[in-house]
Amino acid sequence: MREHDGGPERVLKMRLVGTFKRYSGLQRAYLVQVSTGGRLGVALCVRCLEGPDRSLVRQIGSVFSSIFVTEEHLDILFVNENQETALASVCTPFFGNRMVLQGETPPP
């Protein structure tokens, strides 16, 4: 597992940030490259105060499908505190609390 970043992924992250700002319970989000069964894939890992949120999943799907072709897919994982600790050891969240995007200074 490692951070996944490239041109299209940056567009995805920027658009997701707009969606995430409307969800006060969403704490952090990571876009990671994962390997399952010897195959590489991409997963969006999110940490929410209240666990999985179907409305958020629908919004993420809408944003994703507006950027990528139908053959592509994105796994969405709602992570708990222990899982996030392991995740944070290999990558940085692109969205978190007041953080807007990696490299940008959060507002005061």
C-alpha atoms as a PDB file:
ATOM      1  CA  MET A   1       0.000   0.000   0.000  1.00  0.00           C
ATOM      2  CA  ARG A   2       1.231   3.458  -0.904  1.00  0.00           C
ATOM      3  CA  GLU A   3      -0.076   6.879  -1.842  1.00  0.00           C
ATOM      4  CA  HIS A   4      -1.528   7.115  -5.344  1.00  0.00           C
ATOM      5  CA  ASP A   5      -0.902  10.379  -7.148  1.00  0.00           C
ATOM      6  CA  GLY A   6      -0.814  11.490 -10.769  1.00  0.00           C
ATOM      7  CA  GLY A   7      -2.526  13.979 -13.086  1.00  0.00           C
ATOM      8  CA  PRO A   8      -6.018  12.427 -13.159  1.00  0.00           C
ATOM      9  CA  GLU A   9      -5.778  11.564  -9.482  1.00  0.00           C
ATOM     10  CA  ARG A  10      -5.040  15.200  -8.615  1.00  0.00           C
ATOM     11  CA  VAL A  11      -8.185  16.239 -10.499  1.00  0.00           C
ATOM     12  CA  LEU A  12     -10.151  13.607  -8.572  1.00  0.00           C
ATOM     13  CA  LYS A  13      -8.748  14.803  -5.255  1.00  0.00           C
ATOM     14  CA  MET A  14      -9.566  18.448  -5.986  1.00  0.00           C
ATOM     15  CA  ARG A  15     -13.145  17.610  -6.944  1.00  0.00           C
ATOM     16  CA  LEU A  16     -13.587  15.338  -3.947  1.00  0.00           C
ATOM     17  CA  VAL A  17     -12.433  18.103  -1.617  1.00  0.00           C
ATOM     18  CA  GLY A  18     -15.422  20.179  -2.748  1.00  0.00           C
ATOM     19  CA  THR A  19     -17.732  17.289  -1.891  1.00  0.00           C
ATOM     20  CA  PHE A  20     -16.002  16.522   1.394  1.00  0.00           C
ATOM     21  CA  LYS A  21     -16.408  20.076   2.662  1.00  0.00           C
ATOM     22  CA  ARG A  22     -20.157  19.411   2.895  1.00  0.00           C
ATOM     23  CA  TYR A  23     -19.654  16.434   5.231  1.00  0.00           C
ATOM     24  CA  SER A  24     -18.777  17.672   8.699  1.00  0.00           C
ATOM     25  CA  GLY A  25     -18.283  14.126   9.995  1.00  0.00           C
ATOM     26  CA  LEU A  26     -15.572  13.308   7.468  1.00  0.00           C
ATOM     27  CA  GLN A  27     -12.222  13.648   9.195  1.00  0.00           C
ATOM     28  CA  ARG A  28      -9.610  12.576   6.650  1.00  0.00           C
ATOM     29  CA  ALA A  29      -9.295  10.993   3.198  1.00  0.00           C
ATOM     30  CA  TYR A  30      -6.445   9.101   1.539  1.00  0.00           C
ATOM     31  CA  LEU A  31      -6.069   7.928  -2.051  1.00  0.00           C
ATOM     32  CA  VAL A  32      -3.923   4.806  -2.016  1.00  0.00           C
ATOM     33  CA  GLN A  33      -2.631   2.182  -4.371  1.00  0.00           C
ATOM     34  CA  VAL A  34      -3.389  -1.280  -3.029  1.00  0.00           C
ATOM     35  CA  SER A  35      -2.464  -4.774  -4.067  1.00  0.00           C
ATOM     36  CA  THR A  36      -5.017  -7.543  -3.664  1.00  0.00           C
ATOM     37  CA  GLY A  37      -4.492 -10.987  -5.070  1.00  0.00           C
ATOM     38  CA  GLY A  38      -1.478  -9.791  -7.038  1.00  0.00           C
ATOM     39  CA  ARG A  39      -3.496  -7.071  -8.803  1.00  0.00           C
ATOM     40  CA  LEU A  40      -2.977  -3.357  -8.311  1.00  0.00           C
ATOM     41  CA  GLY A  41      -5.944  -1.123  -7.641  1.00  0.00           C
ATOM     42  CA  VAL A  42      -6.840   2.224  -6.166  1.00  0.00           C
ATOM     43  CA  ALA A  43      -8.806   2.774  -2.984  1.00  0.00           C
ATOM     44  CA  LEU A  44     -10.204   5.863  -1.376  1.00  0.00           C
ATOM     45  CA  CYS A  45      -9.895   5.438   2.371  1.00  0.00           C
ATOM     46  CA  VAL A  46     -11.993   7.754   4.493  1.00  0.00           C
ATOM     47  CA  ARG A  47     -12.213   8.280   8.217  1.00  0.00           C
ATOM     48  CA  CYS A  48     -15.636   9.432   9.377  1.00  0.00           C
ATOM     49  CA  LEU A  49     -16.800  10.174  12.890  1.00  0.00           C
ATOM     50  CA  GLU A  50     -19.920   8.066  12.485  1.00  0.00           C
ATOM     51  CA  GLY A  51     -18.729   5.286  10.193  1.00  0.00           C
ATOM     52  CA  PRO A  52     -19.955   4.487   6.672  1.00  0.00           C
ATOM     53  CA  ASP A  53     -22.236   7.027   4.975  1.00  0.00           C
ATOM     54  CA  ARG A  54     -24.236   5.910   1.922  1.00  0.00           C
ATOM     55  CA  SER A  55     -24.863   9.458   0.775  1.00  0.00           C
ATOM     56  CA  LEU A  56     -21.127  10.133   0.791  1.00  0.00           C
ATOM     57  CA  VAL A  57     -20.494   6.952  -1.212  1.00  0.00           C
ATOM     58  CA  ARG A  58     -22.996   8.093  -3.857  1.00  0.00           C
ATOM     59  CA  GLN A  59     -21.359  11.525  -4.063  1.00  0.00           C
ATOM     60  CA  ILE A  60     -17.879   9.999  -4.394  1.00  0.00           C
ATOM     61  CA  GLY A  61     -19.158   7.688  -7.150  1.00  0.00           C
ATOM     62  CA  SER A  62     -20.648  10.625  -9.015  1.00  0.00           C
ATOM     63  CA  VAL A  63     -17.401  12.592  -8.874  1.00  0.00           C
ATOM     64  CA  PHE A  64     -15.342   9.553  -9.903  1.00  0.00           C
ATOM     65  CA  SER A  65     -17.561   8.660 -12.856  1.00  0.00           C
ATOM     66  CA  SER A  66     -17.393  12.225 -14.149  1.00  0.00           C
ATOM     67  CA  ILE A  67     -13.616  11.874 -14.551  1.00  0.00           C
ATOM     68  CA  PHE A  68     -12.851   8.235 -15.377  1.00  0.00           C
ATOM     69  CA  VAL A  69     -14.167   5.811 -18.002  1.00  0.00           C
ATOM     70  CA  THR A  70     -16.702   3.178 -17.016  1.00  0.00           C
ATOM     71  CA  GLU A  71     -14.111   0.395 -17.051  1.00  0.00           C
ATOM     72  CA  GLU A  72     -12.327   2.017 -14.104  1.00  0.00           C
ATOM     73  CA  HIS A  73     -13.494   1.556 -10.548  1.00  0.00           C
ATOM     74  CA  LEU A  74     -12.656   2.970  -7.153  1.00  0.00           C
ATOM     75  CA  ASP A  75     -12.886   1.001  -3.936  1.00  0.00           C
ATOM     76  CA  ILE A  76     -14.157   3.083  -1.024  1.00  0.00           C
ATOM     77  CA  LEU A  77     -13.103   1.979   2.430  1.00  0.00           C
ATOM     78  CA  PHE A  78     -14.310   3.485   5.688  1.00  0.00           C
ATOM     79  CA  VAL A  79     -11.423   3.003   8.103  1.00  0.00           C
ATOM     80  CA  ASN A  80     -11.384   2.890  11.870  1.00  0.00           C
ATOM     81  CA  GLU A  81      -8.738   4.438  14.112  1.00  0.00           C
ATOM     82  CA  ASN A  82      -6.370   1.442  14.040  1.00  0.00           C
ATOM     83  CA  GLN A  83      -6.625   1.080  10.271  1.00  0.00           C
ATOM     84  CA  GLU A  84      -5.995   4.788   9.823  1.00  0.00           C
ATOM     85  CA  THR A  85      -2.891   4.592  11.987  1.00  0.00           C
ATOM     86  CA  ALA A  86      -1.466   1.927   9.663  1.00  0.00           C
ATOM     87  CA  LEU A  87      -2.543   3.930   6.610  1.00  0.00           C
ATOM     88  CA  ALA A  88      -0.985   7.158   7.877  1.00  0.00           C
ATOM     89  CA  SER A  89       2.353   5.370   8.238  1.00  0.00           C
ATOM     90  CA  VAL A  90       2.587   4.970   4.443  1.00  0.00           C
ATOM     91  CA  CYS A  91       0.802   8.037   3.052  1.00  0.00           C
ATOM     92  CA  THR A  92      -0.535  11.488   3.829  1.00  0.00           C
ATOM     93  CA  PRO A  93      -4.209  12.427   3.724  1.00  0.00           C
ATOM     94  CA  PHE A  94      -5.172  14.715   0.850  1.00  0.00           C
ATOM     95  CA  PHE A  95      -8.140  15.956   2.888  1.00  0.00           C
ATOM     96  CA  GLY A  96      -8.361  16.327   6.607  1.00  0.00           C
ATOM     97  CA  ASN A  97     -10.294  18.431   9.072  1.00  0.00           C
ATOM     98  CA  ARG A  98      -9.368  21.946   7.976  1.00  0.00           C
ATOM     99  CA  MET A  99      -6.652  20.846   5.562  1.00  0.00           C
ATOM    100  CA  VAL A 100      -7.705  21.560   1.995  1.00  0.00           C
ATOM    101  CA  LEU A 101      -5.121  19.786  -0.150  1.00  0.00           C
ATOM    102  CA  GLN A 102      -1.613  18.524   0.346  1.00  0.00           C
ATOM    103  CA  GLY A 103       0.868  21.353   0.164  1.00  0.00           C
ATOM    104  CA  GLU A 104      -1.717  24.048   0.808  1.00  0.00           C
ATOM    105  CA  THR A 105      -1.795  25.969   4.037  1.00  0.00           C
ATOM    106  CA  PRO A 106      -5.027  25.419   5.940  1.00  0.00           C
ATOM    107  CA  PRO A 107      -7.100  28.501   6.734  1.00  0.00           C
ATOM    108  CA  PRO A 108      -6.698  29.973  10.247  1.00  0.00           C
END
